[in-house]
């Protein structure tokens, strides 16, 4: 079982530019010991024949072929819009700013 002193926690907090109150230093020292011990336990179990994993199931991305197609017709798109102006969608102003 490892131990982390209050001074070590304060030094790490200072390096990370985290301002901790004295009671936080004491609490974090205890919490960090639990974390360090858990990491040590996992490291002790890890063997060279077991590959490191970031996810329990194999993941793979599914990509479709990138095939260029003709763009939508602007007039047809604007015809289905509630309002348009100069080939753009016209929406109500919500911020009260002048355009």
N, C-alpha and C. Protein backbone atom coordinates (compact mmCIF):
# COMPACT_ATOMS: atom_id res chain seq x y z
N UNK A 1 0.85 -1.18 0.00
CA UNK A 1 0.00 0.00 0.00
C UNK A 1 0.89 1.23 0.00
N UNK A 2 0.63 2.12 -0.93
CA UNK A 2 1.42 3.34 -1.03
C UNK A 2 0.83 4.42 -0.13
N UNK A 3 1.64 5.41 0.12
CA UNK A 3 1.15 6.55 0.90
C UNK A 3 1.56 7.83 0.17
N UNK A 4 0.68 8.76 0.19
CA UNK A 4 0.96 10.08 -0.36
C UNK A 4 0.81 11.08 0.78
N UNK A 5 1.83 11.86 0.95
CA UNK A 5 1.76 12.84 2.03
C UNK A 5 0.98 14.06 1.59
N UNK A 6 0.58 14.80 2.56
CA UNK A 6 -0.14 16.06 2.31
C UNK A 6 0.74 17.02 1.51
N UNK A 7 2.04 17.00 1.79
CA UNK A 7 2.98 17.87 1.07
C UNK A 7 3.09 17.48 -0.41
N UNK A 8 3.08 16.16 -0.68
CA UNK A 8 3.14 15.71 -2.08
C UNK A 8 1.89 16.15 -2.85
N UNK A 9 0.74 16.03 -2.21
CA UNK A 9 -0.50 16.47 -2.85
C UNK A 9 -0.46 17.97 -3.09
N UNK A 10 0.04 18.72 -2.13
CA UNK A 10 0.14 20.18 -2.29
C UNK A 10 1.09 20.53 -3.42
N UNK A 11 2.19 19.78 -3.56
CA UNK A 11 3.15 20.06 -4.63
C UNK A 11 2.53 19.78 -6.00
N UNK A 12 1.83 18.66 -6.12
CA UNK A 12 1.18 18.33 -7.39
C UNK A 12 0.08 19.35 -7.71
N UNK A 13 -0.67 19.76 -6.71
CA UNK A 13 -1.71 20.76 -6.92
C UNK A 13 -1.09 22.08 -7.37
N UNK A 14 0.05 22.45 -6.80
CA UNK A 14 0.72 23.68 -7.20
C UNK A 14 1.22 23.58 -8.63
N UNK A 15 1.74 22.41 -9.02
CA UNK A 15 2.19 22.22 -10.40
C UNK A 15 1.03 22.34 -11.39
N UNK A 16 -0.15 21.87 -10.96
CA UNK A 16 -1.34 21.94 -11.81
C UNK A 16 -2.06 23.28 -11.65
N UNK A 17 -1.49 24.14 -10.82
CA UNK A 17 -2.08 25.46 -10.55
C UNK A 17 -3.50 25.35 -10.01
N UNK A 18 -3.66 24.42 -9.06
CA UNK A 18 -4.94 24.22 -8.38
C UNK A 18 -4.77 24.69 -6.94
N UNK A 19 -5.59 25.61 -6.53
CA UNK A 19 -5.52 26.14 -5.17
C UNK A 19 -6.44 25.31 -4.28
N UNK A 20 -5.85 24.58 -3.34
CA UNK A 20 -6.63 23.71 -2.45
C UNK A 20 -6.57 24.22 -1.02
N UNK A 21 -7.71 24.08 -0.35
CA UNK A 21 -7.76 24.43 1.07
C UNK A 21 -7.13 23.28 1.87
N UNK A 22 -6.69 23.54 3.11
CA UNK A 22 -6.04 22.48 3.91
C UNK A 22 -6.89 21.22 4.06
N UNK A 23 -8.18 21.37 4.26
CA UNK A 23 -9.03 20.18 4.42
C UNK A 23 -9.15 19.40 3.10
N UNK A 24 -9.05 20.10 1.97
CA UNK A 24 -9.07 19.42 0.69
C UNK A 24 -7.79 18.62 0.47
N UNK A 25 -6.66 19.16 0.92
CA UNK A 25 -5.39 18.44 0.80
C UNK A 25 -5.44 17.12 1.55
N UNK A 26 -5.99 17.15 2.76
CA UNK A 26 -6.08 15.93 3.56
C UNK A 26 -7.01 14.91 2.89
N UNK A 27 -8.16 15.37 2.42
CA UNK A 27 -9.13 14.48 1.78
C UNK A 27 -8.55 13.89 0.49
N UNK A 28 -7.94 14.73 -0.34
CA UNK A 28 -7.38 14.25 -1.61
C UNK A 28 -6.21 13.31 -1.41
N UNK A 29 -5.42 13.51 -0.36
CA UNK A 29 -4.31 12.60 -0.09
C UNK A 29 -4.85 11.18 0.11
N UNK A 30 -5.92 11.04 0.87
CA UNK A 30 -6.54 9.73 1.09
C UNK A 30 -7.14 9.15 -0.18
N UNK A 31 -7.81 10.00 -0.97
CA UNK A 31 -8.44 9.53 -2.21
C UNK A 31 -7.40 9.12 -3.25
N UNK A 32 -6.31 9.88 -3.33
CA UNK A 32 -5.28 9.56 -4.30
C UNK A 32 -4.55 8.27 -3.95
N UNK A 33 -4.41 7.97 -2.68
CA UNK A 33 -3.80 6.70 -2.27
C UNK A 33 -4.64 5.54 -2.79
N UNK A 34 -5.95 5.65 -2.71
CA UNK A 34 -6.84 4.59 -3.20
C UNK A 34 -6.66 4.42 -4.72
N UNK A 35 -6.56 5.55 -5.44
CA UNK A 35 -6.38 5.50 -6.89
C UNK A 35 -5.03 4.88 -7.26
N UNK A 36 -3.98 5.30 -6.60
CA UNK A 36 -2.64 4.77 -6.88
C UNK A 36 -2.59 3.28 -6.58
N UNK A 37 -3.21 2.85 -5.50
CA UNK A 37 -3.24 1.43 -5.16
C UNK A 37 -4.01 0.62 -6.21
N UNK A 38 -5.11 1.17 -6.72
CA UNK A 38 -5.89 0.48 -7.75
C UNK A 38 -5.08 0.33 -9.03
N UNK A 39 -4.35 1.36 -9.39
CA UNK A 39 -3.51 1.30 -10.59
C UNK A 39 -2.40 0.27 -10.40
N UNK A 40 -1.82 0.23 -9.22
CA UNK A 40 -0.77 -0.75 -8.94
C UNK A 40 -1.32 -2.17 -9.02
N UNK A 41 -2.53 -2.37 -8.55
CA UNK A 41 -3.14 -3.69 -8.58
C UNK A 41 -3.40 -4.13 -10.03
N UNK A 42 -3.90 -3.22 -10.85
CA UNK A 42 -4.13 -3.55 -12.26
C UNK A 42 -2.80 -3.81 -12.97
N UNK A 43 -1.80 -3.02 -12.66
CA UNK A 43 -0.49 -3.21 -13.28
C UNK A 43 0.12 -4.55 -12.89
N UNK A 44 -0.13 -5.00 -11.69
CA UNK A 44 0.41 -6.28 -11.24
C UNK A 44 -0.27 -7.45 -11.97
N UNK A 45 -1.53 -7.29 -12.33
CA UNK A 45 -2.27 -8.35 -13.01
C UNK A 45 -1.96 -8.37 -14.50
N UNK A 46 -1.70 -7.22 -15.07
CA UNK A 46 -1.43 -7.13 -16.51
C UNK A 46 -0.19 -7.94 -16.86
N UNK A 47 -0.32 -8.77 -17.87
CA UNK A 47 0.81 -9.59 -18.32
C UNK A 47 1.12 -9.25 -19.77
N UNK A 48 2.33 -9.55 -20.22
CA UNK A 48 2.71 -9.21 -21.60
C UNK A 48 1.86 -9.91 -22.66
N UNK A 49 1.29 -11.08 -22.34
CA UNK A 49 0.51 -11.81 -23.34
C UNK A 49 -0.93 -11.31 -23.46
N UNK A 50 -1.33 -10.36 -22.61
CA UNK A 50 -2.67 -9.78 -22.68
C UNK A 50 -2.54 -8.39 -23.29
N UNK A 51 -3.13 -8.19 -24.48
CA UNK A 51 -3.00 -6.87 -25.12
C UNK A 51 -3.81 -5.81 -24.38
N UNK A 52 -3.30 -4.59 -24.40
CA UNK A 52 -4.01 -3.48 -23.78
C UNK A 52 -5.26 -3.18 -24.61
N UNK A 53 -6.34 -2.85 -23.94
CA UNK A 53 -7.58 -2.55 -24.63
C UNK A 53 -8.16 -1.25 -24.10
N UNK A 54 -8.89 -0.57 -24.97
CA UNK A 54 -9.59 0.63 -24.53
C UNK A 54 -11.09 0.40 -24.51
N UNK A 55 -11.51 -0.75 -25.07
CA UNK A 55 -12.94 -1.08 -25.13
C UNK A 55 -13.07 -2.60 -25.09
N UNK A 56 -14.07 -3.13 -24.40
CA UNK A 56 -14.17 -4.58 -24.28
C UNK A 56 -14.56 -5.29 -25.58
N UNK A 57 -15.18 -4.57 -26.50
CA UNK A 57 -15.59 -5.16 -27.77
C UNK A 57 -14.83 -4.51 -28.91
N UNK A 58 -14.50 -5.28 -29.94
CA UNK A 58 -13.81 -4.65 -31.07
C UNK A 58 -14.74 -3.66 -31.78
N UNK A 59 -14.21 -2.51 -32.11
CA UNK A 59 -14.98 -1.48 -32.78
C UNK A 59 -14.40 -1.23 -34.16
N UNK A 60 -15.26 -0.95 -35.10
CA UNK A 60 -14.79 -0.55 -36.42
C UNK A 60 -15.79 0.43 -37.01
N UNK A 61 -15.28 1.41 -37.70
CA UNK A 61 -16.13 2.38 -38.36
C UNK A 61 -16.62 1.80 -39.68
N UNK A 62 -17.83 2.14 -40.02
CA UNK A 62 -18.40 1.71 -41.29
C UNK A 62 -18.47 2.95 -42.17
N UNK A 63 -17.71 2.92 -43.25
CA UNK A 63 -17.67 4.04 -44.17
C UNK A 63 -18.34 3.66 -45.48
N UNK A 64 -19.05 4.60 -46.04
CA UNK A 64 -19.59 4.38 -47.37
C UNK A 64 -18.62 4.99 -48.37
N UNK A 65 -18.72 4.56 -49.60
CA UNK A 65 -17.88 5.14 -50.64
C UNK A 65 -18.26 6.60 -50.83
N UNK A 66 -17.27 7.43 -50.99
CA UNK A 66 -17.49 8.85 -51.21
C UNK A 66 -17.66 9.09 -52.70
N UNK A 67 -18.92 9.10 -53.11
CA UNK A 67 -19.23 9.23 -54.53
C UNK A 67 -19.86 10.60 -54.75
N UNK A 68 -19.27 11.42 -55.60
CA UNK A 68 -19.86 12.73 -55.85
C UNK A 68 -21.19 12.60 -56.60
N UNK A 69 -22.16 13.39 -56.19
CA UNK A 69 -23.47 13.41 -56.84
C UNK A 69 -23.81 14.86 -57.15
N UNK A 70 -24.78 15.02 -58.01
CA UNK A 70 -25.20 16.37 -58.37
C UNK A 70 -25.86 17.04 -57.16
N UNK A 71 -25.59 18.34 -56.97
CA UNK A 71 -26.21 19.04 -55.83
C UNK A 71 -27.70 19.23 -56.07
N UNK A 72 -28.40 19.54 -54.99
CA UNK A 72 -29.83 19.81 -55.10
C UNK A 72 -30.05 21.09 -55.90
N UNK A 73 -31.18 21.14 -56.59
CA UNK A 73 -31.53 22.32 -57.36
C UNK A 73 -31.99 23.42 -56.39
N UNK A 74 -31.33 24.57 -56.43
CA UNK A 74 -31.64 25.67 -55.51
C UNK A 74 -33.10 26.09 -55.62
N UNK A 75 -33.61 26.20 -56.83
CA UNK A 75 -35.00 26.64 -57.00
C UNK A 75 -35.98 25.65 -56.39
N UNK A 76 -35.69 24.35 -56.52
CA UNK A 76 -36.58 23.34 -55.94
C UNK A 76 -36.53 23.38 -54.42
N UNK A 77 -35.36 23.58 -53.88
CA UNK A 77 -35.22 23.65 -52.41
C UNK A 77 -35.92 24.89 -51.88
N UNK A 78 -35.71 26.03 -52.53
CA UNK A 78 -36.33 27.27 -52.07
C UNK A 78 -37.84 27.26 -52.25
N UNK A 79 -38.32 26.48 -53.21
CA UNK A 79 -39.77 26.37 -53.42
C UNK A 79 -40.45 25.69 -52.24
N UNK A 80 -39.74 24.81 -51.55
CA UNK A 80 -40.34 24.12 -50.42
C UNK A 80 -40.10 24.85 -49.10
N UNK A 81 -39.34 25.94 -49.12
CA UNK A 81 -39.08 26.71 -47.90
C UNK A 81 -40.25 27.64 -47.62
N UNK A 82 -40.58 27.88 -46.35
CA UNK A 82 -41.68 28.80 -46.02
C UNK A 82 -41.41 30.21 -46.55
N UNK A 83 -40.15 30.63 -46.51
CA UNK A 83 -39.81 31.96 -47.02
C UNK A 83 -38.35 31.94 -47.45
N UNK A 84 -38.06 32.67 -48.54
CA UNK A 84 -36.68 32.75 -49.01
C UNK A 84 -36.44 34.12 -49.62
N UNK A 85 -35.17 34.46 -49.69
CA UNK A 85 -34.78 35.74 -50.29
C UNK A 85 -33.37 35.60 -50.85
N UNK A 86 -33.18 35.95 -52.08
CA UNK A 86 -31.88 35.89 -52.75
C UNK A 86 -31.24 34.50 -52.67
N UNK A 87 -32.04 33.44 -52.80
CA UNK A 87 -31.51 32.09 -52.79
C UNK A 87 -31.13 31.59 -51.41
N UNK A 88 -31.63 32.23 -50.37
CA UNK A 88 -31.34 31.81 -48.99
C UNK A 88 -32.65 31.66 -48.22
N UNK A 89 -32.60 30.84 -47.17
CA UNK A 89 -33.76 30.72 -46.30
C UNK A 89 -33.96 32.02 -45.55
N UNK A 90 -35.20 32.47 -45.45
CA UNK A 90 -35.52 33.68 -44.72
C UNK A 90 -36.15 33.26 -43.40
N UNK A 91 -35.53 33.66 -42.30
CA UNK A 91 -36.02 33.28 -40.98
C UNK A 91 -36.27 34.54 -40.16
N UNK A 92 -37.14 34.46 -39.16
CA UNK A 92 -37.41 35.65 -38.34
C UNK A 92 -36.18 36.04 -37.53
N UNK A 93 -36.00 37.32 -37.35
CA UNK A 93 -34.89 37.82 -36.54
C UNK A 93 -35.23 37.58 -35.07
N UNK A 94 -34.26 37.02 -34.31
CA UNK A 94 -34.55 36.70 -32.91
C UNK A 94 -33.68 37.49 -31.94
N UNK A 95 -32.59 38.06 -32.39
CA UNK A 95 -31.68 38.73 -31.46
C UNK A 95 -31.88 40.24 -31.41
N UNK A 96 -32.71 40.78 -32.28
CA UNK A 96 -32.97 42.21 -32.24
C UNK A 96 -31.84 43.05 -32.78
N UNK A 97 -30.93 42.45 -33.53
CA UNK A 97 -29.81 43.19 -34.10
C UNK A 97 -30.16 43.61 -35.51
N UNK A 98 -29.59 44.75 -35.93
CA UNK A 98 -29.80 45.20 -37.29
C UNK A 98 -28.97 44.35 -38.23
N UNK A 99 -29.53 44.06 -39.39
CA UNK A 99 -28.78 43.24 -40.35
C UNK A 99 -28.04 44.08 -41.34
